[in-house]
């Protein structure tokens, strides 16, 4: 199928290249993103006023899309603050300190626990559940905060979400698009998920240890965070601290049970975790600060919101630009794309699929490319239906391998867009660990690229 590409598509491609280039050079991308939004709006509408308005409207759209993530991060940080101030945090992390005694154990234990929880409840709630408790333990064991973020990110938003073996939302979307059963997609994805996960996480760990040894990332960078974590005040008795150290995990464990029984996932799961955190914050504020509890609870929330918006501030412009690649274009700028368009990003993926010859090797490389391109909008899920459709087309043409190609497109799209390379998609892990999402994306880039290359080669032999 011939896909019509317009000037809007090529402008988008040029600015994607510029943004990636600026990120690699460790330069800020805000100005580039704003210029990109302005030019897309100007070319589409031909109106200077509409183009200028489009910048502001794109920011509003991005903030609206990201608001639930901003809120959960802000609330978890507010709750963590009162845990630290009251000394409950020290009591909670004591059992974990016995098992996580060095950076290596910290990386792999946190990653594997994150992966298991994310299989059942998806990564964003898992980050919120784990981050507040395990981050201080890992820091004291000598693992840099950036290493903690990488572990949670790669194992959660990477391995667990790309396979999605339990909830099965991703394989359902790709399987339906490819007209094959969900079970076939899952079966085909298992060797690819294992390959991608093993290669990427080992590569990331080796590079992390190398940079720690060379002094590029120092455990000393943790000192400020550790000090923040240990600045407790004598607000509660030891008995009260022990009670809440047990009560809080039980509260979140009940959330886990509720998520399973009520089959909540995604935003609903995050909302339940966030609401529980709010109640814990209020209870602790009232018990710890007594007469000043009402005022202190508000103060903690303000601290959390300040942190949340400070972290998300630099991300809004780049998210605003990339949202124009999907459904955000029509809502922000208007209906100016071709009538047959599925969105700029999906159009580019479809054009790539239509322009390559068909062999099993090229089919595998193309599905990886389509997955990566469609993942650029930062959701990871918006383009996997296209990946399934193209996999069906290629599988029919080469006489088999549809399930493997479908799984490959799904894995690539989610690893790129679901939260390991796109800065605003990996913000939950970055924010909980108080590291730059752009730096986390840069750290993930080489390991994920190595993983995708090896996984694509493995897929060629499985087709």
Protein backbone atom coordinates (compact mmCIF):
# COMPACT_ATOMS: atom_id res chain seq x y z
CA UNK A 1 0.00 0.00 0.00
CA UNK A 2 1.40 3.38 -1.09
CA UNK A 3 1.44 5.85 1.78
CA UNK A 4 1.27 9.55 0.94
CA UNK A 5 4.02 11.47 2.75
CA UNK A 6 3.74 15.26 2.88
CA UNK A 7 6.03 18.10 3.94
CA UNK A 8 4.71 17.62 7.49
CA UNK A 9 6.10 14.10 7.61
CA UNK A 10 9.55 15.18 6.43
CA UNK A 11 9.69 18.13 8.84
CA UNK A 12 8.89 15.70 11.63
CA UNK A 13 11.67 13.34 10.53
CA UNK A 14 14.22 16.19 10.36
CA UNK A 15 13.38 17.36 13.87
CA UNK A 16 13.49 13.82 15.26
CA UNK A 17 17.06 13.60 13.93
CA UNK A 18 17.91 17.01 15.43
CA UNK A 19 16.45 16.09 18.83
CA UNK A 20 18.34 12.79 18.95
CA UNK A 21 21.53 14.55 17.88
CA UNK A 22 21.18 17.22 20.57
CA UNK A 23 20.48 14.55 23.20
CA UNK A 24 23.60 12.62 22.22
CA UNK A 25 25.62 15.83 22.50
CA UNK A 26 24.08 16.45 25.94
CA UNK A 27 22.49 19.70 24.84
CA UNK A 28 19.03 20.93 25.82
CA UNK A 29 16.31 20.18 23.27
CA UNK A 30 13.60 22.61 24.41
CA UNK A 31 14.28 25.25 21.72
CA UNK A 32 14.49 22.61 18.96
CA UNK A 33 11.16 21.10 20.02
CA UNK A 34 9.40 24.47 20.12
CA UNK A 35 10.72 25.40 16.68
CA UNK A 36 9.57 22.00 15.41
CA UNK A 37 6.05 22.50 16.80
CA UNK A 38 5.93 26.00 15.30
CA UNK A 39 7.03 24.86 11.83
CA UNK A 40 4.61 21.92 11.76
CA UNK A 41 1.75 24.22 12.71
CA UNK A 42 2.85 26.91 10.23
CA UNK A 43 3.14 24.50 7.30
CA UNK A 44 -0.17 22.83 8.19
CA UNK A 45 -2.27 25.98 8.77
CA UNK A 46 -0.41 28.71 6.89
CA UNK A 47 -1.32 31.02 9.77
CA UNK A 48 1.26 32.74 11.95
CA UNK A 49 -1.26 33.29 14.76
CA UNK A 50 -2.37 29.65 14.71
CA UNK A 51 1.24 28.50 14.72
CA UNK A 52 2.09 30.57 17.78
CA UNK A 53 -1.09 29.37 19.51
CA UNK A 54 -0.16 25.82 18.56
CA UNK A 55 2.93 25.98 20.77
CA UNK A 56 0.85 26.84 23.84
CA UNK A 57 -1.88 24.33 22.96
CA UNK A 58 0.71 21.58 22.50
CA UNK A 59 2.04 22.29 26.01
CA UNK A 60 -1.49 22.03 27.42
CA UNK A 61 -2.02 18.73 25.60
CA UNK A 62 1.28 17.31 26.87
CA UNK A 63 0.56 18.34 30.46
CA UNK A 64 -2.92 16.81 30.24
CA UNK A 65 -1.53 13.52 28.92
CA UNK A 66 1.20 13.41 31.57
CA UNK A 67 -0.89 14.64 34.50
CA UNK A 68 -1.60 11.25 36.05
CA UNK A 69 2.12 10.45 36.04
CA UNK A 70 2.97 13.86 37.49
CA UNK A 71 0.43 13.34 40.26
CA UNK A 72 1.54 9.84 41.27
CA UNK A 73 5.19 10.93 41.39
CA UNK A 74 4.32 14.04 43.41
CA UNK A 75 2.20 12.10 45.90
CA UNK A 76 4.78 9.31 46.34
CA UNK A 77 7.51 11.91 46.93
CA UNK A 78 5.30 13.69 49.49
CA UNK A 79 4.66 10.39 51.28
CA UNK A 80 8.37 9.51 51.15
CA UNK A 81 9.20 12.86 52.72
CA UNK A 82 7.05 12.23 55.78
CA UNK A 83 8.40 8.68 56.04
CA UNK A 84 11.93 10.09 56.09
CA UNK A 85 11.15 12.93 58.50
CA UNK A 86 9.48 10.59 60.96
CA UNK A 87 12.18 7.90 60.78
CA UNK A 88 9.76 5.19 59.56
CA UNK A 89 11.79 4.82 56.39
CA UNK A 90 14.85 3.64 58.35
CA UNK A 91 12.82 0.93 60.06
CA UNK A 92 11.22 -0.17 56.77
CA UNK A 93 14.48 -0.60 54.89
CA UNK A 94 16.34 -2.44 57.65
CA UNK A 95 15.26 -5.97 56.50
CA UNK A 96 16.27 -5.27 52.89
CA UNK A 97 19.70 -4.03 53.94
CA UNK A 98 20.56 -7.59 55.02
CA UNK A 99 20.17 -8.86 51.44
CA UNK A 100 21.35 -5.89 49.38
CA UNK A 101 24.91 -5.43 50.55
CA UNK A 102 26.73 -4.28 47.39
CA UNK A 103 25.98 -2.51 44.08
CA UNK A 104 25.78 -5.76 42.09
CA UNK A 105 23.14 -7.30 44.35
CA UNK A 106 21.28 -4.00 44.47
CA UNK A 107 21.04 -3.79 40.66
CA UNK A 108 19.88 -7.35 40.05
CA UNK A 109 17.60 -7.75 43.10
CA UNK A 110 15.79 -4.46 42.42
CA UNK A 111 15.53 -5.27 38.71
CA UNK A 112 14.14 -8.78 39.17
CA UNK A 113 11.63 -7.71 41.85
CA UNK A 114 10.55 -4.84 39.59
CA UNK A 115 10.07 -7.22 36.66
CA UNK A 116 7.94 -9.66 38.66
CA UNK A 117 5.66 -6.96 40.08
CA UNK A 118 5.40 -5.25 36.67
CA UNK A 119 4.23 -8.49 35.04
CA UNK A 120 1.16 -8.42 37.25
CA UNK A 121 0.46 -4.71 37.65
CA UNK A 122 2.45 -2.89 34.93
CA UNK A 123 5.53 -0.77 35.60
CA UNK A 124 4.23 2.65 36.71
CA UNK A 125 2.50 1.38 39.87
CA UNK A 126 5.46 -0.95 40.48
CA UNK A 127 7.89 1.98 40.41
CA UNK A 128 5.77 3.78 42.97
CA UNK A 129 5.54 0.70 45.19
CA UNK A 130 9.25 -0.16 45.08
CA UNK A 131 11.04 3.13 44.71
CA UNK A 132 10.33 4.67 48.08
CA UNK A 133 11.48 1.53 49.95
CA UNK A 134 14.33 0.08 47.89
CA UNK A 135 16.04 3.27 46.67
CA UNK A 136 17.61 4.14 50.06
CA UNK A 137 18.81 0.55 50.49
CA UNK A 138 20.48 0.55 47.10
CA UNK A 139 22.10 3.91 47.70
CA UNK A 140 23.58 2.75 50.98
CA UNK A 141 24.85 -0.40 49.25
CA UNK A 142 26.83 1.84 46.88
CA UNK A 143 24.68 1.67 43.72
CA UNK A 144 24.31 5.16 42.19
CA UNK A 145 20.77 6.53 41.90
CA UNK A 146 21.15 6.38 38.11
CA UNK A 147 21.87 2.65 38.40
CA UNK A 148 18.71 2.13 40.46
CA UNK A 149 16.68 3.99 37.84
CA UNK A 150 18.21 1.87 35.07
CA UNK A 151 17.40 -1.37 36.89
CA UNK A 152 13.76 -0.44 37.52
CA UNK A 153 13.40 0.96 34.02
CA UNK A 154 14.97 -1.84 31.98
CA UNK A 155 13.37 -4.69 33.92
CA UNK A 156 9.95 -3.02 34.31
CA UNK A 157 9.23 -0.85 31.29
CA UNK A 158 11.50 -3.02 29.16
CA UNK A 159 11.30 -6.75 29.87
CA UNK A 160 7.97 -6.98 31.71
CA UNK A 161 6.00 -4.53 29.56
CA UNK A 162 7.32 -5.73 26.18
CA UNK A 163 6.29 -9.32 26.90
CA UNK A 164 3.17 -8.51 28.92
CA UNK A 165 2.64 -12.21 29.59
CA UNK A 166 0.11 -11.86 32.42
CA UNK A 167 -2.14 -8.91 31.57
CA UNK A 168 -1.72 -9.58 27.82
CA UNK A 169 -2.85 -6.17 26.61
CA UNK A 170 0.08 -5.81 24.19
CA UNK A 171 -0.10 -9.28 22.58
CA UNK A 172 -3.88 -8.88 22.25
CA UNK A 173 -3.44 -5.68 20.21
CA UNK A 174 -0.70 -7.07 17.99
CA UNK A 175 -2.36 -10.47 17.66
CA UNK A 176 -5.68 -8.97 16.57
CA UNK A 177 -3.92 -6.76 14.01
CA UNK A 178 -2.02 -9.77 12.64
CA UNK A 179 -5.13 -12.01 12.75
CA UNK A 180 -3.42 -14.64 14.87
CA UNK A 181 -4.26 -15.92 18.39
CA UNK A 182 -2.81 -14.15 21.42
CA UNK A 183 -1.20 -17.42 22.49
CA UNK A 184 0.81 -17.53 19.26
CA UNK A 185 2.17 -14.03 19.85
CA UNK A 186 3.12 -14.85 23.45
CA UNK A 187 4.78 -18.14 22.46
CA UNK A 188 6.76 -16.42 19.70
CA UNK A 189 7.75 -13.54 21.96
CA UNK A 190 9.23 -15.67 24.78
CA UNK A 191 12.65 -16.34 23.14
CA UNK A 192 12.80 -12.75 21.87
CA UNK A 193 11.89 -11.22 25.24
CA UNK A 194 14.51 -13.42 26.94
CA UNK A 195 17.15 -12.47 24.36
CA UNK A 196 16.35 -8.77 24.55
CA UNK A 197 16.19 -8.78 28.34
CA UNK A 198 19.38 -10.73 28.95
CA UNK A 199 21.50 -8.87 26.38
CA UNK A 200 20.25 -5.42 27.35
CA UNK A 201 20.46 -5.75 31.13
CA UNK A 202 23.89 -7.41 31.07
CA UNK A 203 25.17 -4.75 28.66
CA UNK A 204 23.74 -2.00 30.85
CA UNK A 205 25.27 -3.50 34.00
CA UNK A 206 28.71 -3.93 32.40
CA UNK A 207 28.70 -0.33 31.14
CA UNK A 208 27.48 0.92 34.52
CA UNK A 209 30.21 -0.93 36.43
CA UNK A 210 32.82 0.29 33.94
CA UNK A 211 31.78 3.92 34.39
CA UNK A 212 31.68 3.53 38.17
CA UNK A 213 35.21 2.12 38.08
CA UNK A 214 36.40 4.98 35.86
CA UNK A 215 34.76 7.54 38.12
CA UNK A 216 32.23 8.76 35.52
CA UNK A 217 29.43 7.78 37.89
CA UNK A 218 30.38 7.94 41.54
CA UNK A 219 28.72 6.34 44.55
CA UNK A 220 29.61 9.62 46.24
CA UNK A 221 26.86 11.16 44.10
CA UNK A 222 24.49 9.41 46.48
CA UNK A 223 25.63 11.37 49.50
CA UNK A 224 23.15 14.19 49.14
CA UNK A 225 20.29 11.77 48.60
CA UNK A 226 21.36 9.53 51.48
CA UNK A 227 21.57 12.54 53.75
CA UNK A 228 18.07 13.54 52.72
CA UNK A 229 16.90 10.02 53.44
CA UNK A 230 18.43 9.99 56.90
CA UNK A 231 17.41 13.43 58.17
CA UNK A 232 14.70 12.07 60.44
CA UNK A 233 13.18 13.93 63.35
CA UNK A 234 12.11 12.51 66.70
CA UNK A 235 8.40 12.66 65.89
CA UNK A 236 7.37 9.08 66.74
CA UNK A 237 8.25 6.51 69.34
CA UNK A 238 10.11 3.38 68.25
CA UNK A 239 6.92 1.35 68.75
CA UNK A 240 5.00 3.72 66.47
CA UNK A 241 7.72 3.55 63.83
CA UNK A 242 7.62 -0.27 63.89
CA UNK A 243 3.82 -0.25 63.68
CA UNK A 244 3.78 1.99 60.61
CA UNK A 245 6.73 0.13 59.07
CA UNK A 246 4.45 -2.94 59.04
CA UNK A 247 1.17 -1.10 58.37
CA UNK A 248 2.37 0.68 55.21
CA UNK A 249 3.60 -2.42 53.32
CA UNK A 250 0.38 -4.20 54.31
CA UNK A 251 -1.64 -1.29 52.90
CA UNK A 252 0.15 -1.53 49.59
CA UNK A 253 -0.07 -5.33 49.66
CA UNK A 254 -3.85 -4.97 49.97
CA UNK A 255 -3.64 -2.74 46.89
CA UNK A 256 -1.89 -5.58 45.09
CA UNK A 257 -4.68 -7.97 46.09
CA UNK A 258 -7.33 -5.47 45.00
CA UNK A 259 -5.61 -4.95 41.65
CA UNK A 260 -5.65 -8.69 41.07
CA UNK A 261 -9.26 -9.27 42.18
CA UNK A 262 -10.69 -6.21 40.43
CA UNK A 263 -8.42 -6.71 37.39
CA UNK A 264 -7.23 -3.11 37.50
CA UNK A 265 -4.31 -2.06 35.31
CA UNK A 266 -2.64 1.01 33.87
CA UNK A 267 -4.21 4.26 35.02
CA UNK A 268 -6.68 2.55 37.35
CA UNK A 269 -3.87 0.69 39.11
CA UNK A 270 -1.84 3.88 39.44
CA UNK A 271 -4.86 5.71 40.86
CA UNK A 272 -5.36 3.08 43.57
CA UNK A 273 -1.70 3.23 44.59
CA UNK A 274 -1.78 7.03 44.55
CA UNK A 275 -4.93 7.23 46.65
CA UNK A 276 -3.46 4.84 49.20
CA UNK A 277 -0.32 6.99 49.38
CA UNK A 278 -2.45 10.08 50.05
CA UNK A 279 -4.21 8.37 52.96
CA UNK A 280 -0.88 7.20 54.39
CA UNK A 281 0.48 10.73 54.08
CA UNK A 282 -2.51 12.19 55.94
CA UNK A 283 -2.46 9.58 58.72
CA UNK A 284 1.27 9.95 59.31
CA UNK A 285 1.07 13.74 59.29
CA UNK A 286 -1.69 13.74 61.92
CA UNK A 287 0.04 11.17 64.14
CA UNK A 288 3.56 12.57 63.84
CA UNK A 289 2.77 16.29 64.02
CA UNK A 290 -0.34 16.13 66.21
CA UNK A 291 -1.83 19.67 66.45
CA UNK A 292 0.15 20.79 63.42
CA UNK A 293 -0.88 17.75 61.40
CA UNK A 294 -3.37 19.57 59.18
CA UNK A 295 -0.88 22.23 58.16
CA UNK A 296 1.99 19.76 57.77
CA UNK A 297 -0.01 17.46 55.48
CA UNK A 298 -0.54 20.40 53.13
CA UNK A 299 3.14 21.33 53.37
CA UNK A 300 4.19 17.80 52.41
CA UNK A 301 1.83 17.83 49.42
CA UNK A 302 3.25 21.17 48.29
CA UNK A 303 6.77 19.74 48.51
CA UNK A 304 5.69 16.78 46.41
CA UNK A 305 4.04 18.93 43.76
CA UNK A 306 7.05 21.25 43.60
CA UNK A 307 9.27 18.25 43.01
CA UNK A 308 6.93 16.76 40.40
CA UNK A 309 6.64 19.87 38.28
CA UNK A 310 10.35 20.65 38.62
CA UNK A 311 11.17 17.22 37.21
CA UNK A 312 8.56 17.35 34.46
CA UNK A 313 9.24 20.96 33.43
CA UNK A 314 12.02 20.19 30.93
CA UNK A 315 10.05 17.26 29.51
CA UNK A 316 6.86 19.10 28.54
CA UNK A 317 8.26 20.69 25.32
CA UNK A 318 9.75 17.45 23.96
CA UNK A 319 6.61 15.50 24.87
CA UNK A 320 4.51 18.19 23.16
CA UNK A 321 6.51 17.76 19.95
CA UNK A 322 6.34 13.96 19.88
CA UNK A 323 2.62 13.90 20.66
CA UNK A 324 2.15 15.65 17.32
CA UNK A 325 3.30 12.40 15.73
CA UNK A 326 0.17 10.60 16.88
CA UNK A 327 -3.43 11.57 17.65
CA UNK A 328 -2.27 14.82 19.23
CA UNK A 329 -1.80 16.43 15.81
CA UNK A 330 -5.51 16.70 15.04
CA UNK A 331 -6.35 17.85 18.58
CA UNK A 332 -3.58 20.46 18.75
CA UNK A 333 -3.27 21.78 15.18
CA UNK A 334 -6.31 20.45 13.34
CA UNK A 335 -7.29 18.06 10.56
CA UNK A 336 -4.53 18.88 8.08
CA UNK A 337 -3.04 15.44 7.41
CA UNK A 338 -4.06 13.36 4.36
CA UNK A 339 -7.44 11.65 4.68
CA UNK A 340 -5.80 8.22 4.70
CA UNK A 341 -3.30 9.21 7.39
CA UNK A 342 -3.02 7.17 10.59
CA UNK A 343 -0.86 9.86 12.20
CA UNK A 344 2.60 11.06 11.19
CA UNK A 345 4.49 8.32 13.04
CA UNK A 346 2.33 5.47 11.76
CA UNK A 347 2.46 6.89 8.23
CA UNK A 348 6.25 6.82 8.34
CA UNK A 349 6.21 3.24 9.57
CA UNK A 350 3.79 2.17 6.84
CA UNK A 351 5.86 3.96 4.17
CA UNK A 352 8.97 2.10 5.35
CA UNK A 353 7.14 -1.22 5.15
CA UNK A 354 5.95 -0.48 1.60
CA UNK A 355 9.37 0.53 0.30
CA UNK A 356 11.49 -2.53 1.10
CA UNK A 357 11.90 -5.89 -0.73
CA UNK A 358 10.66 -8.97 1.08
CA UNK A 359 13.05 -11.56 2.50
CA UNK A 360 12.94 -12.90 6.04
CA UNK A 361 16.07 -10.94 6.98
CA UNK A 362 14.74 -7.67 5.58
CA UNK A 363 11.33 -8.40 7.10
CA UNK A 364 12.90 -8.71 10.55
CA UNK A 365 14.95 -5.53 10.17
CA UNK A 366 11.90 -3.68 8.83
CA UNK A 367 9.69 -4.76 11.75
CA UNK A 368 12.37 -3.57 14.15
CA UNK A 369 12.48 -0.25 12.29
CA UNK A 370 8.69 0.10 12.30
CA UNK A 371 8.54 -0.71 16.00
CA UNK A 372 11.23 1.86 16.77
CA UNK A 373 9.61 4.57 14.64
CA UNK A 374 6.13 4.06 16.04
CA UNK A 375 7.57 3.98 19.55
CA UNK A 376 8.81 7.54 19.16
CA UNK A 377 5.49 8.95 20.38
CA UNK A 378 6.38 7.70 23.85
CA UNK A 379 3.43 5.41 24.51
CA UNK A 380 4.86 2.15 23.18
CA UNK A 381 1.34 0.91 22.44
CA UNK A 382 0.05 3.30 19.77
CA UNK A 383 2.04 1.68 16.96
CA UNK A 384 1.95 -1.99 17.83
CA UNK A 385 -1.28 -2.57 15.88
CA UNK A 386 0.53 -1.28 12.80
CA UNK A 387 3.40 -3.65 13.60
CA UNK A 388 0.93 -6.54 13.73
CA UNK A 389 -0.63 -5.56 10.39
CA UNK A 390 2.75 -5.28 8.67
CA UNK A 391 3.88 -8.57 10.22
CA UNK A 392 0.83 -10.28 8.69
CA UNK A 393 1.61 -8.74 5.30
CA UNK A 394 5.27 -9.80 5.43
CA UNK A 395 4.51 -13.22 6.86
CA UNK A 396 2.11 -13.93 4.02
CA UNK A 397 4.62 -12.72 1.43
CA UNK A 398 7.55 -14.83 2.70
CA UNK A 399 5.39 -17.84 3.57
CA UNK A 400 5.51 -17.85 7.39
CA UNK A 401 6.95 -16.25 10.50
CA UNK A 402 3.97 -13.97 11.15
CA UNK A 403 3.94 -14.62 14.90
CA UNK A 404 7.69 -14.01 15.27
CA UNK A 405 7.53 -10.79 13.22
CA UNK A 406 4.52 -9.63 15.24
CA UNK A 407 6.35 -10.29 18.51
CA UNK A 408 9.47 -8.51 17.23
CA UNK A 409 7.52 -5.38 16.28
CA UNK A 410 5.75 -5.41 19.63
CA UNK A 411 8.97 -5.79 21.63
CA UNK A 412 10.77 -3.05 19.69
CA UNK A 413 7.94 -0.53 19.95
CA UNK A 414 7.55 -1.02 23.69
CA UNK A 415 11.27 -1.00 24.49
CA UNK A 416 11.68 2.26 22.55
CA UNK A 417 8.42 4.00 23.40
CA UNK A 418 7.20 2.27 26.53
CA UNK A 419 9.77 3.75 28.80
CA UNK A 420 13.46 3.03 28.18
CA UNK A 421 14.51 5.55 25.49
CA UNK A 422 11.86 8.27 25.25
CA UNK A 423 12.55 10.73 28.11
CA UNK A 424 9.00 11.46 29.22
CA UNK A 425 8.01 7.78 29.13
CA UNK A 426 10.76 6.85 31.59
CA UNK A 427 10.04 9.73 33.97
CA UNK A 428 8.46 7.58 36.74
CA UNK A 429 11.75 5.74 37.40
CA UNK A 430 13.85 8.88 36.89
CA UNK A 431 11.70 10.98 39.21
CA UNK A 432 11.55 8.43 42.02
CA UNK A 433 15.37 8.16 41.88
CA UNK A 434 15.82 11.93 41.49
CA UNK A 435 17.89 11.66 38.30
CA UNK A 436 17.53 13.42 34.94
CA UNK A 437 15.23 11.52 32.54
CA UNK A 438 17.43 12.71 29.68
CA UNK A 439 20.54 11.27 31.34
CA UNK A 440 18.68 8.01 31.98
CA UNK A 441 17.65 7.87 28.32
CA UNK A 442 21.27 8.43 27.26
CA UNK A 443 22.48 5.67 29.60
CA UNK A 444 19.88 3.27 28.18
CA UNK A 445 20.56 4.09 24.52
CA UNK A 446 23.60 1.86 23.89
CA UNK A 447 22.42 -1.22 25.86
CA UNK A 448 18.95 -1.09 24.28
CA UNK A 449 20.43 -0.65 20.80
CA UNK A 450 22.71 -3.65 21.34
CA UNK A 451 19.75 -5.65 22.61
CA UNK A 452 17.56 -4.76 19.62
CA UNK A 453 20.33 -5.67 17.17
CA UNK A 454 20.88 -9.10 18.74
CA UNK A 455 17.15 -9.75 19.10
CA UNK A 456 16.57 -8.88 15.45
CA UNK A 457 19.28 -11.36 14.38
CA UNK A 458 17.75 -14.06 16.60
CA UNK A 459 14.33 -13.35 15.04
CA UNK A 460 15.80 -13.95 11.55
CA UNK A 461 16.64 -17.53 12.55
CA UNK A 462 13.21 -18.09 14.15
CA UNK A 463 11.12 -16.92 11.18
